[in-house]
Amino acid sequence: MKYKTTDEMAHFDFHGSVIADMRTCSGLFIMILDNVKILPENSCNRDIRTMRTNQLEFRIREAVIERLTEEGYQVYDADGRLTRREEDKQVSPALFAETFGELRGCCIYAIDKKDDKYEISIDTEDHTYLLRVTGSGDTQEWERFMSMT
């Protein structure tokens, strides 16, 4: 990878980025993301405008997945009557890898960090997942900058 930042998550905009891959490996949590916006404040961005990139490798070091939740939702008919209610479902750790595979092609709504806790909100076509990971820090690596237009 040509460009690398460490603990600069706030200098990226992950909203709307697409998951190309997601996995754990040797104490790391790794996501490969497309359509990530690189903000002007980013230490590698020599331009004064927001740029974007594909195939950004987002890593969380010393990662522990605390929880993966398939968030509940409600379905209403055209008259506003509730037709179905789905409660939150915790994904079993044994199913993490399978679920990560199913989330390829889905969009990131947000990645938030507070202290050593990361919350990753993922939108599917009809509902959302919330992934909580603790880790000692993060790195981002990518090959090139692309214009937003």
C-alpha atoms as a PDB file:
ATOM      1  CA  MET A   1       0.000   0.000   0.000  1.00  0.00           C
ATOM      2  CA  LYS A   2       1.270   3.438  -0.870  1.00  0.00           C
ATOM      3  CA  TYR A   3      -0.410   5.605   1.781  1.00  0.00           C
ATOM      4  CA  LYS A   4      -0.806   4.772   5.462  1.00  0.00           C
ATOM      5  CA  THR A   5      -2.243   6.599   8.448  1.00  0.00           C
ATOM      6  CA  THR A   6      -2.421   5.532  12.071  1.00  0.00           C
ATOM      7  CA  ASP A   7      -5.213   6.578  14.442  1.00  0.00           C
ATOM      8  CA  GLU A   8      -6.562   9.143  11.953  1.00  0.00           C
ATOM      9  CA  MET A   9     -10.044   7.712  11.673  1.00  0.00           C
ATOM     10  CA  ALA A  10     -11.562  11.175  12.188  1.00  0.00           C
ATOM     11  CA  HIS A  11      -9.919  12.328   8.947  1.00  0.00           C
ATOM     12  CA  PHE A  12     -12.017   9.965   6.823  1.00  0.00           C
ATOM     13  CA  ASP A  13     -15.709   9.931   5.996  1.00  0.00           C
ATOM     14  CA  PHE A  14     -16.871   6.317   5.903  1.00  0.00           C
ATOM     15  CA  HIS A  15     -20.585   7.091   5.389  1.00  0.00           C
ATOM     16  CA  GLY A  16     -21.693   5.423   2.168  1.00  0.00           C
ATOM     17  CA  SER A  17     -18.543   3.364   1.724  1.00  0.00           C
ATOM     18  CA  VAL A  18     -19.063  -0.205   0.532  1.00  0.00           C
ATOM     19  CA  ILE A  19     -17.696  -3.337   2.203  1.00  0.00           C
ATOM     20  CA  ALA A  20     -15.547  -5.347  -0.226  1.00  0.00           C
ATOM     21  CA  ASP A  21     -14.323  -7.724   2.492  1.00  0.00           C
ATOM     22  CA  MET A  22     -14.399  -8.089   6.277  1.00  0.00           C
ATOM     23  CA  ARG A  23     -12.468 -10.588   8.391  1.00  0.00           C
ATOM     24  CA  THR A  24     -10.420 -11.257  11.511  1.00  0.00           C
ATOM     25  CA  CYS A  25      -6.840 -12.464  11.359  1.00  0.00           C
ATOM     26  CA  SER A  26      -4.141 -12.811  14.052  1.00  0.00           C
ATOM     27  CA  GLY A  27      -5.636 -10.315  16.487  1.00  0.00           C
ATOM     28  CA  LEU A  28      -6.659  -7.882  13.745  1.00  0.00           C
ATOM     29  CA  PHE A  29     -10.089  -6.882  12.511  1.00  0.00           C
ATOM     30  CA  ILE A  30      -9.806  -5.958   8.825  1.00  0.00           C
ATOM     31  CA  MET A  31     -12.262  -4.307   6.472  1.00  0.00           C
ATOM     32  CA  ILE A  32     -11.581  -3.553   2.814  1.00  0.00           C
ATOM     33  CA  LEU A  33     -13.759  -0.585   1.851  1.00  0.00           C
ATOM     34  CA  ASP A  34     -14.585   1.109  -1.436  1.00  0.00           C
ATOM     35  CA  ASN A  35     -15.721   4.705  -1.947  1.00  0.00           C
ATOM     36  CA  VAL A  36     -14.124   6.058   1.248  1.00  0.00           C
ATOM     37  CA  LYS A  37     -13.818   9.838   1.431  1.00  0.00           C
ATOM     38  CA  ILE A  38     -10.449  11.202   2.524  1.00  0.00           C
ATOM     39  CA  LEU A  39     -10.895  14.564   4.217  1.00  0.00           C
ATOM     40  CA  PRO A  40      -8.562  17.542   3.636  1.00  0.00           C
ATOM     41  CA  GLU A  41      -7.274  17.254   7.234  1.00  0.00           C
ATOM     42  CA  ASN A  42      -5.833  13.782   6.555  1.00  0.00           C
ATOM     43  CA  SER A  43      -2.040  13.791   6.923  1.00  0.00           C
ATOM     44  CA  CYS A  44      -1.567  12.082   3.526  1.00  0.00           C
ATOM     45  CA  ASN A  45      -4.000  14.334   1.631  1.00  0.00           C
ATOM     46  CA  ARG A  46      -1.876  17.028   0.002  1.00  0.00           C
ATOM     47  CA  ASP A  47      -4.923  18.479  -1.692  1.00  0.00           C
ATOM     48  CA  ILE A  48      -7.206  21.047  -0.070  1.00  0.00           C
ATOM     49  CA  ARG A  49     -10.374  19.190  -0.956  1.00  0.00           C
ATOM     50  CA  THR A  50     -12.074  15.946  -0.083  1.00  0.00           C
ATOM     51  CA  MET A  51     -10.799  13.054  -2.172  1.00  0.00           C
ATOM     52  CA  ARG A  52     -11.873   9.418  -2.251  1.00  0.00           C
ATOM     53  CA  THR A  53     -10.342   5.980  -2.665  1.00  0.00           C
ATOM     54  CA  ASN A  54     -11.244   2.350  -3.235  1.00  0.00           C
ATOM     55  CA  GLN A  55      -9.762  -0.750  -1.639  1.00  0.00           C
ATOM     56  CA  LEU A  56      -8.877   1.066   1.588  1.00  0.00           C
ATOM     57  CA  GLU A  57      -7.699  -1.420   4.193  1.00  0.00           C
ATOM     58  CA  PHE A  58      -9.038  -0.436   7.625  1.00  0.00           C
ATOM     59  CA  ARG A  59      -7.433  -2.402  10.473  1.00  0.00           C
ATOM     60  CA  ILE A  60      -8.136  -2.443  14.186  1.00  0.00           C
ATOM     61  CA  ARG A  61      -5.182  -3.747  16.206  1.00  0.00           C
ATOM     62  CA  GLU A  62      -5.614  -6.155  19.136  1.00  0.00           C
ATOM     63  CA  ALA A  63      -9.243  -6.481  18.119  1.00  0.00           C
ATOM     64  CA  VAL A  64     -11.890  -8.239  20.155  1.00  0.00           C
ATOM     65  CA  ILE A  65     -15.387  -8.434  18.718  1.00  0.00           C
ATOM     66  CA  GLU A  66     -17.678  -7.645  21.616  1.00  0.00           C
ATOM     67  CA  ARG A  67     -20.940  -8.056  19.773  1.00  0.00           C
ATOM     68  CA  LEU A  68     -22.524  -8.283  16.333  1.00  0.00           C
ATOM     69  CA  THR A  69     -26.193  -7.385  16.408  1.00  0.00           C
ATOM     70  CA  GLU A  70     -28.720  -7.754  13.620  1.00  0.00           C
ATOM     71  CA  GLU A  71     -30.913  -4.843  14.601  1.00  0.00           C
ATOM     72  CA  GLY A  72     -34.647  -5.279  14.839  1.00  0.00           C
ATOM     73  CA  TYR A  73     -37.158  -3.497  12.650  1.00  0.00           C
ATOM     74  CA  GLN A  74     -40.863  -3.036  12.046  1.00  0.00           C
ATOM     75  CA  VAL A  75     -42.830  -3.438   8.819  1.00  0.00           C
ATOM     76  CA  TYR A  76     -46.025  -1.484   8.179  1.00  0.00           C
ATOM     77  CA  ASP A  77     -48.636  -1.850   5.448  1.00  0.00           C
ATOM     78  CA  ALA A  78     -49.842   1.012   3.236  1.00  0.00           C
ATOM     79  CA  ASP A  79     -52.420   2.001   5.878  1.00  0.00           C
ATOM     80  CA  GLY A  80     -49.783   2.360   8.567  1.00  0.00           C
ATOM     81  CA  ARG A  81     -50.688  -0.846  10.404  1.00  0.00           C
ATOM     82  CA  LEU A  82     -47.877  -2.866  11.878  1.00  0.00           C
ATOM     83  CA  THR A  83     -47.614  -6.153   9.986  1.00  0.00           C
ATOM     84  CA  ARG A  84     -44.382  -7.553  11.379  1.00  0.00           C
ATOM     85  CA  ARG A  85     -41.913  -6.858  14.140  1.00  0.00           C
ATOM     86  CA  GLU A  86     -38.406  -8.312  14.306  1.00  0.00           C
ATOM     87  CA  GLU A  87     -36.444  -8.008  17.544  1.00  0.00           C
ATOM     88  CA  ASP A  88     -32.672  -7.464  17.780  1.00  0.00           C
ATOM     89  CA  LYS A  89     -30.721 -10.697  17.273  1.00  0.00           C
ATOM     90  CA  GLN A  90     -27.212 -11.312  18.559  1.00  0.00           C
ATOM     91  CA  VAL A  91     -25.067 -13.144  16.018  1.00  0.00           C
ATOM     92  CA  SER A  92     -23.199 -16.061  17.570  1.00  0.00           C
ATOM     93  CA  PRO A  93     -19.381 -15.818  17.427  1.00  0.00           C
ATOM     94  CA  ALA A  94     -19.422 -19.123  15.529  1.00  0.00           C
ATOM     95  CA  LEU A  95     -21.334 -17.324  12.745  1.00  0.00           C
ATOM     96  CA  PHE A  96     -19.191 -14.158  12.538  1.00  0.00           C
ATOM     97  CA  ALA A  97     -17.203 -15.262   9.463  1.00  0.00           C
ATOM     98  CA  GLU A  98     -20.356 -16.370   7.620  1.00  0.00           C
ATOM     99  CA  THR A  99     -22.145 -13.116   8.473  1.00  0.00           C
ATOM    100  CA  PHE A 100     -19.129 -11.049   7.399  1.00  0.00           C
ATOM    101  CA  GLY A 101     -19.363 -12.781   4.017  1.00  0.00           C
ATOM    102  CA  GLU A 102     -23.055 -11.928   3.759  1.00  0.00           C
ATOM    103  CA  LEU A 103     -22.278  -8.261   4.465  1.00  0.00           C
ATOM    104  CA  ARG A 104     -20.001  -7.890   1.419  1.00  0.00           C
ATOM    105  CA  GLY A 105     -21.475  -5.248  -0.865  1.00  0.00           C
ATOM    106  CA  CYS A 106     -23.361  -3.554   1.973  1.00  0.00           C
ATOM    107  CA  CYS A 107     -22.857   0.092   2.916  1.00  0.00           C
ATOM    108  CA  ILE A 108     -21.317   1.592   6.000  1.00  0.00           C
ATOM    109  CA  TYR A 109     -23.627   4.053   7.709  1.00  0.00           C
ATOM    110  CA  ALA A 110     -21.028   5.141  10.263  1.00  0.00           C
ATOM    111  CA  ILE A 111     -17.868   4.117  12.057  1.00  0.00           C
ATOM    112  CA  ASP A 112     -17.571   5.765  15.451  1.00  0.00           C
ATOM    113  CA  LYS A 113     -14.772   5.495  17.969  1.00  0.00           C
ATOM    114  CA  LYS A 114     -14.798   6.352  21.645  1.00  0.00           C
ATOM    115  CA  ASP A 115     -11.680   5.474  23.627  1.00  0.00           C
ATOM    116  CA  ASP A 116     -10.832   1.910  22.569  1.00  0.00           C
ATOM    117  CA  LYS A 117     -14.340   1.017  21.368  1.00  0.00           C
ATOM    118  CA  TYR A 118     -15.399   1.064  17.727  1.00  0.00           C
ATOM    119  CA  GLU A 119     -19.037   0.964  16.595  1.00  0.00           C
ATOM    120  CA  ILE A 120     -19.631   0.093  12.976  1.00  0.00           C
ATOM    121  CA  SER A 121     -23.159   0.526  11.632  1.00  0.00           C
ATOM    122  CA  ILE A 122     -23.846  -1.426   8.440  1.00  0.00           C
ATOM    123  CA  ASP A 123     -26.881  -0.988   6.172  1.00  0.00           C
ATOM    124  CA  THR A 124     -28.225  -3.927   4.213  1.00  0.00           C
ATOM    125  CA  GLU A 125     -31.077  -3.600   1.726  1.00  0.00           C
ATOM    126  CA  ASP A 126     -33.750  -3.893   4.400  1.00  0.00           C
ATOM    127  CA  HIS A 127     -32.190  -3.543   7.868  1.00  0.00           C
ATOM    128  CA  THR A 128     -28.974  -2.823   9.766  1.00  0.00           C
ATOM    129  CA  TYR A 129     -26.222  -4.508  11.738  1.00  0.00           C
ATOM    130  CA  LEU A 130     -24.249  -2.980  14.581  1.00  0.00           C
ATOM    131  CA  LEU A 131     -20.751  -4.313  15.172  1.00  0.00           C
ATOM    132  CA  ARG A 132     -18.865  -3.441  18.370  1.00  0.00           C
ATOM    133  CA  VAL A 133     -15.111  -4.028  18.454  1.00  0.00           C
ATOM    134  CA  THR A 134     -12.505  -3.050  21.036  1.00  0.00           C
ATOM    135  CA  GLY A 135      -8.929  -2.512  19.975  1.00  0.00           C
ATOM    136  CA  SER A 136      -5.704  -0.698  20.722  1.00  0.00           C
ATOM    137  CA  GLY A 137      -5.769   1.520  17.629  1.00  0.00           C
ATOM    138  CA  ASP A 138      -6.412   1.619  13.921  1.00  0.00           C
ATOM    139  CA  THR A 139      -4.573   2.008  10.641  1.00  0.00           C
ATOM    140  CA  GLN A 140      -5.774   2.854   7.163  1.00  0.00           C
ATOM    141  CA  GLU A 141      -3.866   1.944   4.000  1.00  0.00           C
ATOM    142  CA  TRP A 142      -4.689   2.671   0.372  1.00  0.00           C
ATOM    143  CA  GLU A 143      -3.060   2.937  -3.045  1.00  0.00           C
ATOM    144  CA  ARG A 144      -4.294   6.153  -4.608  1.00  0.00           C
ATOM    145  CA  PHE A 145      -6.392   9.273  -4.345  1.00  0.00           C
ATOM    146  CA  MET A 146      -9.297   9.827  -6.732  1.00  0.00           C
ATOM    147  CA  SER A 147     -11.318  12.932  -7.461  1.00  0.00           C
ATOM    148  CA  MET A 148     -14.861  13.127  -6.114  1.00  0.00           C
ATOM    149  CA  THR A 149     -16.249  14.194  -9.482  1.00  0.00           C
END
